[in-house]
Amino acid sequence: MSPAQIESDIHAFIARRFPIADSGGAAPVSLLDGGLIDSLGLLEIVTFISERFGTEISDDDFLPEHFETTSSIAALVVRKLAPIR
C-alpha cells in the first residue's frame, strides 16, 4: 500500500468519524491542539490503524506530533510498516 493510499484511508476514517475535523481541503488544523479529537477519539484512531493496517502503535509512539494531522498520522503508519533493515 502506498503512503498516499494510507493517508487517504486515514483521512477518510477521520472525516467519517469526526466530521468537524475535516478541513475540506483547507490548511490542516491540529487535531489535538485544535480540540477536534480528544483522548477517546485518539484511541479510536489507534484502533482503526491496528485493524486497517495490521500494525500496533506502541507507548513510545504516543507523541503529540504523531497525531497532529492526518499527514503526521500517515507518516507514523508508513514508518511502522517499513521493513526492518
Protein backbone atom coordinates (compact mmCIF):
# COMPACT_ATOMS: atom_id res chain seq x y z
CA MET A 1 0.00 0.00 0.00
CA SER A 2 1.39 3.38 -0.97
CA PRO A 3 1.90 6.23 1.51
CA ALA A 4 -0.70 8.24 -0.41
CA GLN A 5 -3.27 5.43 -0.04
CA ILE A 6 -2.50 5.13 3.68
CA GLU A 7 -3.05 8.86 4.15
CA SER A 8 -6.24 8.73 2.09
CA ASP A 9 -7.63 5.88 4.21
CA ILE A 10 -6.78 7.68 7.45
CA HIS A 11 -8.27 10.94 6.18
CA ALA A 12 -11.48 9.16 5.11
CA PHE A 13 -11.82 7.50 8.52
CA ILE A 14 -11.27 10.74 10.41
CA ALA A 15 -13.66 12.68 8.15
CA ARG A 16 -16.32 9.99 8.61
CA ARG A 17 -15.89 9.55 12.35
CA PHE A 18 -15.05 13.14 13.28
CA PRO A 19 -16.72 15.36 10.64
CA ILE A 20 -15.70 18.53 12.45
CA ALA A 21 -12.05 17.58 11.82
CA ASP A 22 -12.48 17.51 8.04
CA SER A 23 -10.75 20.63 6.75
CA GLY A 24 -12.39 20.25 3.35
CA GLY A 25 -9.08 20.77 1.58
CA ALA A 26 -8.12 23.85 3.59
CA ALA A 27 -4.86 24.01 5.50
CA PRO A 28 -4.75 21.22 8.09
CA VAL A 29 -5.79 22.14 11.59
CA SER A 30 -4.16 20.48 14.59
CA LEU A 31 -6.43 17.61 15.57
CA LEU A 32 -5.25 17.67 19.19
CA ASP A 33 -4.42 21.32 19.86
CA GLY A 34 -7.49 22.40 17.91
CA GLY A 35 -9.66 20.30 20.22
CA LEU A 36 -11.07 18.34 17.29
CA ILE A 37 -10.15 14.97 18.76
CA ASP A 38 -9.99 14.04 22.44
CA SER A 39 -8.31 11.08 24.13
CA LEU A 40 -11.18 8.72 23.27
CA GLY A 41 -11.02 9.84 19.66
CA LEU A 42 -7.31 9.17 19.65
CA LEU A 43 -7.99 5.63 20.86
CA GLU A 44 -10.50 5.17 18.04
CA ILE A 45 -7.86 6.26 15.53
CA VAL A 46 -5.31 3.87 17.02
CA THR A 47 -7.84 1.02 16.87
CA PHE A 48 -8.58 1.86 13.23
CA ILE A 49 -4.85 1.83 12.42
CA SER A 50 -4.43 -1.55 14.09
CA GLU A 51 -7.40 -3.10 12.28
CA ARG A 52 -6.87 -1.48 8.87
CA PHE A 53 -3.09 -1.69 8.56
CA GLY A 54 -2.27 -4.56 10.91
CA THR A 55 0.25 -2.60 12.93
CA GLU A 56 0.33 -1.71 16.58
CA ILE A 57 1.04 1.72 17.99
CA SER A 58 3.41 1.37 20.94
CA ASP A 59 3.52 3.56 24.03
CA ASP A 60 6.63 5.24 22.60
CA ASP A 61 4.58 6.32 19.57
CA PHE A 62 2.08 8.32 21.63
CA LEU A 63 3.65 11.68 20.99
CA PRO A 64 1.51 14.71 20.12
CA GLU A 65 3.45 15.37 16.92
CA HIS A 66 2.46 11.92 15.60
CA PHE A 67 -1.24 12.75 15.87
CA GLU A 68 -1.41 16.42 14.86
CA THR A 69 -2.74 15.94 11.31
CA THR A 70 -3.77 13.12 9.02
CA SER A 71 -0.39 13.53 7.32
CA SER A 72 1.53 13.04 10.56
CA ILE A 73 -0.59 10.01 11.45
CA ALA A 74 0.01 8.55 7.98
CA ALA A 75 3.76 9.16 8.32
CA LEU A 76 3.73 7.23 11.59
CA VAL A 77 1.91 4.31 9.97
CA VAL A 78 4.31 4.31 6.99
CA ARG A 79 7.27 4.15 9.41
CA LYS A 80 5.63 1.33 11.36
CA LEU A 81 5.02 -0.64 8.17
CA ALA A 82 8.51 -0.10 6.75
CA PRO A 83 10.56 -3.28 6.63
CA ILE A 84 13.19 -3.60 9.30
CA ARG A 85 16.66 -3.26 7.81
